[in-house]
Amino acid sequence: IDVVILDYKLAPAHTFPAALEDALKGWEWMMKNGYKEEDILIVGDSAGGNLSLALMLNLKEMKRKQPVAAVLISPWGDMTASGKSYFENYNKDVMFGGKGQAKSEMVQQILNSPIYSYCGDHDRKDPLLSPIFGDFEGFPPVLITVGSHEILMSDSITVAEKIKKSGGDVTLHIGEGMFHVYPLMDKLIPESKRAMKEILEFIKKHLSK
């Protein structure tokens, strides 16, 4: 298969909606170069998972066709850090967490940190910035995988629940004891190998129709 990788603008030099605009340009480029929506499967991890969801929500707003399916690996879906896992997994997350139990002021420090610089001064509850606040009716089949030790776990759970509630086809896989974007450690640990196998089977299923 062909693979298109977006070289989108990054924060803090470029804030919302710069990355989304680049994603839309990439989509239009594919349309102009002979690709059809039913032949495109979107894959995104972490911030790329956020951008994947935002792109599909934006396509829906524009009344455009959706890709055939999407794979989201530890997607960052909530720029307000409102989920339970931001507190419950704070001392478990080896990448974004810290020692001890999370307190509201700690989360506030994270929200004000450079990690969230892409938000700029924009409303963080805008679904195109925080997709958990979006309407997922009409979405294509989605596979979501996330680690149970991630502070972002709530983001994945919320998105999966909303897709399911809207009548969509969604599979949520929570890797027990796993960390952020753990499937990308493919050949290093068995949990990652199993997750990657599930992802590849999902891709083959939807691109072979």
Protein backbone atom coordinates (compact mmCIF):
# COMPACT_ATOMS: atom_id res chain seq x y z
CA ILE A 1 0.00 0.00 0.00
CA ASP A 2 1.00 3.64 -0.40
CA VAL A 3 1.77 5.55 2.78
CA VAL A 4 1.29 9.31 3.06
CA ILE A 5 2.96 10.94 6.08
CA LEU A 6 1.97 14.50 6.93
CA ASP A 7 4.78 16.95 7.71
CA TYR A 8 2.45 19.27 9.59
CA LYS A 9 3.37 22.48 11.39
CA LEU A 10 4.32 22.09 15.05
CA ALA A 11 3.74 24.05 18.24
CA PRO A 12 4.77 26.29 19.87
CA ALA A 13 5.70 28.13 16.66
CA HIS A 14 2.33 27.24 15.13
CA THR A 15 -0.83 26.98 17.23
CA PHE A 16 -4.32 25.68 16.50
CA PRO A 17 -5.58 25.25 13.80
CA ALA A 18 -2.24 25.10 11.89
CA ALA A 19 -1.81 21.32 12.11
CA LEU A 20 -5.44 20.66 11.19
CA GLU A 21 -5.16 22.95 8.18
CA ASP A 22 -2.11 20.97 7.03
CA ALA A 23 -4.03 17.71 7.52
CA LEU A 24 -6.85 19.05 5.34
CA LYS A 25 -4.30 20.08 2.70
CA GLY A 26 -2.93 16.55 2.78
CA TRP A 27 -6.45 15.16 2.36
CA GLU A 28 -7.09 17.44 -0.61
CA TRP A 29 -3.75 16.42 -2.13
CA MET A 30 -4.79 12.77 -1.96
CA MET A 31 -8.16 13.55 -3.55
CA LYS A 32 -6.45 15.42 -6.42
CA ASN A 33 -3.94 12.63 -6.98
CA GLY A 34 -6.40 9.82 -7.61
CA TYR A 35 -6.96 8.45 -4.11
CA LYS A 36 -10.53 7.76 -3.04
CA GLU A 37 -11.93 7.98 0.48
CA GLU A 38 -12.82 4.29 0.49
CA ASP A 39 -9.14 3.48 -0.12
CA ILE A 40 -7.78 5.65 2.70
CA LEU A 41 -7.26 4.43 6.26
CA ILE A 42 -6.01 6.98 8.79
CA VAL A 43 -3.50 6.01 11.50
CA GLY A 44 -2.41 8.37 14.27
CA ASP A 45 -0.70 8.04 17.64
CA SER A 46 -0.71 10.45 20.58
CA ALA A 47 -0.96 14.01 19.17
CA GLY A 48 -1.36 12.38 15.76
CA GLY A 49 -4.39 10.57 17.18
CA ASN A 50 -5.82 13.95 18.13
CA LEU A 51 -5.20 15.23 14.62
CA SER A 52 -6.76 12.10 13.08
CA LEU A 53 -9.96 12.58 15.10
CA ALA A 54 -10.02 16.32 14.38
CA LEU A 55 -9.61 15.68 10.66
CA MET A 56 -12.53 13.24 10.59
CA LEU A 57 -14.70 15.62 12.64
CA ASN A 58 -13.78 18.45 10.27
CA LEU A 59 -14.62 16.32 7.22
CA LYS A 60 -17.98 15.60 8.82
CA GLU A 61 -18.62 19.33 9.37
CA MET A 62 -17.81 19.91 5.71
CA LYS A 63 -20.24 17.10 4.75
CA ARG A 64 -17.39 15.21 3.11
CA LYS A 65 -16.95 11.44 2.92
CA GLN A 66 -14.98 9.74 5.67
CA PRO A 67 -11.97 7.45 5.23
CA VAL A 68 -12.69 3.73 5.18
CA ALA A 69 -11.46 3.29 8.78
CA ALA A 70 -9.06 4.66 11.39
CA VAL A 71 -6.51 3.35 13.88
CA LEU A 72 -5.83 5.48 16.96
CA ILE A 73 -2.92 4.61 19.25
CA SER A 74 -3.09 6.40 22.63
CA PRO A 75 -4.94 9.34 21.06
CA TRP A 76 -4.76 12.67 22.87
CA GLY A 77 -8.39 13.69 22.85
CA ASP A 78 -8.89 16.10 25.73
CA MET A 79 -7.02 19.38 26.04
CA THR A 80 -8.90 20.11 29.29
CA ALA A 81 -7.50 17.04 31.11
CA SER A 82 -10.92 16.29 32.54
CA GLY A 83 -10.79 12.48 32.62
CA LYS A 84 -10.32 10.35 35.75
CA SER A 85 -7.09 8.83 34.44
CA TYR A 86 -5.34 12.21 34.60
CA PHE A 87 -5.53 11.79 38.38
CA GLU A 88 -5.70 8.02 38.86
CA ASN A 89 -2.76 7.23 36.57
CA TYR A 90 -0.56 10.18 37.43
CA ASN A 91 1.91 8.07 39.45
CA LYS A 92 1.78 5.19 36.94
CA ASP A 93 2.43 7.03 33.68
CA VAL A 94 6.19 6.86 33.07
CA MET A 95 6.07 9.45 30.28
CA PHE A 96 3.69 12.21 31.44
CA GLY A 97 3.12 11.48 35.12
CA GLY A 98 5.07 12.03 38.30
CA LYS A 99 5.57 10.78 41.84
CA GLY A 100 2.78 10.59 44.37
CA GLN A 101 -0.90 11.21 43.89
CA ALA A 102 -2.01 13.89 41.46
CA LYS A 103 -3.55 17.02 42.89
CA SER A 104 -5.62 19.61 41.08
CA GLU A 105 -2.76 22.09 41.11
CA MET A 106 -0.46 19.52 39.47
CA VAL A 107 -2.95 19.01 36.63
CA GLN A 108 -3.25 22.77 36.31
CA GLN A 109 0.54 23.01 36.00
CA ILE A 110 0.42 20.44 33.20
CA LEU A 111 -2.35 22.38 31.44
CA ASN A 112 -0.23 25.52 31.58
CA SER A 113 2.93 23.75 30.43
CA PRO A 114 4.51 23.93 26.93
CA ILE A 115 2.98 20.51 26.19
CA TYR A 116 -0.32 22.34 25.59
CA SER A 117 1.16 25.21 23.60
CA TYR A 118 -0.73 24.10 20.46
CA CYS A 119 -3.96 25.31 22.12
CA GLY A 120 -2.84 28.92 22.07
CA ASP A 121 -5.72 31.11 23.30
CA HIS A 122 -8.36 28.94 21.63
CA ASP A 123 -11.31 27.43 23.50
CA ARG A 124 -10.03 24.04 24.64
CA LYS A 125 -13.52 22.53 24.44
CA ASP A 126 -13.66 23.05 20.68
CA PRO A 127 -14.11 19.50 19.30
CA LEU A 128 -11.51 20.19 16.61
CA LEU A 129 -9.00 20.75 19.43
CA SER A 130 -10.43 18.36 22.05
CA PRO A 131 -12.22 15.67 20.02
CA ILE A 132 -13.85 14.09 23.10
CA PHE A 133 -16.39 16.92 22.86
CA GLY A 134 -17.30 16.02 19.28
CA ASP A 135 -20.24 14.28 17.63
CA PHE A 136 -19.12 10.94 16.19
CA GLU A 137 -22.25 9.95 14.31
CA GLY A 138 -21.34 8.71 10.83
CA PHE A 139 -17.74 7.85 11.72
CA PRO A 140 -16.05 4.91 9.97
CA PRO A 141 -14.90 1.80 11.90
CA VAL A 142 -12.28 2.76 14.47
CA LEU A 143 -9.72 0.70 16.40
CA ILE A 144 -8.36 2.37 19.54
CA THR A 145 -5.52 0.98 21.63
CA VAL A 146 -4.25 2.53 24.86
CA GLY A 147 -2.27 1.48 27.92
CA SER A 148 -4.00 1.09 31.30
CA HIS A 149 -1.21 3.13 32.96
CA GLU A 150 -1.65 6.20 30.77
CA ILE A 151 -3.02 9.50 31.99
CA LEU A 152 -4.63 9.68 28.54
CA MET A 153 -6.60 6.45 29.02
CA SER A 154 -9.83 8.36 29.76
CA ASP A 155 -9.55 10.10 26.40
CA SER A 156 -9.69 6.76 24.58
CA ILE A 157 -12.51 5.42 26.73
CA THR A 158 -14.62 8.56 26.21
CA VAL A 159 -14.12 8.57 22.43
CA ALA A 160 -14.93 4.85 22.20
CA GLU A 161 -18.09 5.25 24.30
CA LYS A 162 -19.30 8.20 22.22
CA ILE A 163 -18.69 6.39 18.92
CA LYS A 164 -20.55 3.33 20.22
CA LYS A 165 -23.43 5.46 21.55
CA SER A 166 -23.76 7.12 18.14
CA GLY A 167 -24.14 3.70 16.50
CA GLY A 168 -20.60 3.44 15.16
CA ASP A 169 -18.26 0.48 14.91
CA VAL A 170 -15.47 0.84 17.47
CA THR A 171 -13.01 -1.54 19.10
CA LEU A 172 -11.20 -0.41 22.24
CA HIS A 173 -8.19 -2.40 23.42
CA ILE A 174 -6.72 -1.44 26.80
CA GLY A 175 -3.28 -2.97 27.31
CA GLU A 176 -3.03 -3.97 30.96
CA GLY A 177 -0.04 -2.33 32.64
CA MET A 178 1.03 -0.73 29.39
CA PHE A 179 2.44 2.71 28.66
CA HIS A 180 1.92 5.47 26.07
CA VAL A 181 1.91 4.23 22.43
CA TYR A 182 3.13 0.81 23.56
CA PRO A 183 2.25 -0.98 20.26
CA LEU A 184 5.16 0.87 18.61
CA MET A 185 7.55 -1.27 20.70
CA ASP A 186 6.44 -4.03 18.34
CA LYS A 187 9.23 -6.62 18.64
CA LEU A 188 10.47 -5.75 22.14
CA ILE A 189 7.66 -7.02 24.37
CA PRO A 190 4.87 -9.57 23.79
CA GLU A 191 2.07 -7.10 24.62
CA SER A 192 3.28 -4.78 21.87
CA LYS A 193 3.54 -7.63 19.37
CA ARG A 194 -0.04 -8.70 20.09
CA ALA A 195 -1.32 -5.13 19.81
CA MET A 196 0.50 -4.57 16.52
CA LYS A 197 -0.87 -7.84 15.16
CA GLU A 198 -4.40 -6.65 16.01
CA ILE A 199 -3.72 -3.31 14.30
CA LEU A 200 -2.37 -4.97 11.15
CA GLU A 201 -5.32 -7.37 10.96
CA PHE A 202 -7.69 -4.40 11.28
CA ILE A 203 -5.89 -2.54 8.49
CA LYS A 204 -5.90 -5.58 6.19
CA LYS A 205 -9.58 -6.18 6.86
CA HIS A 206 -10.65 -2.68 5.88
CA LEU A 207 -8.26 -2.10 2.98
CA SER A 208 -8.96 -5.43 1.30
CA LYS A 209 -12.66 -4.81 0.69
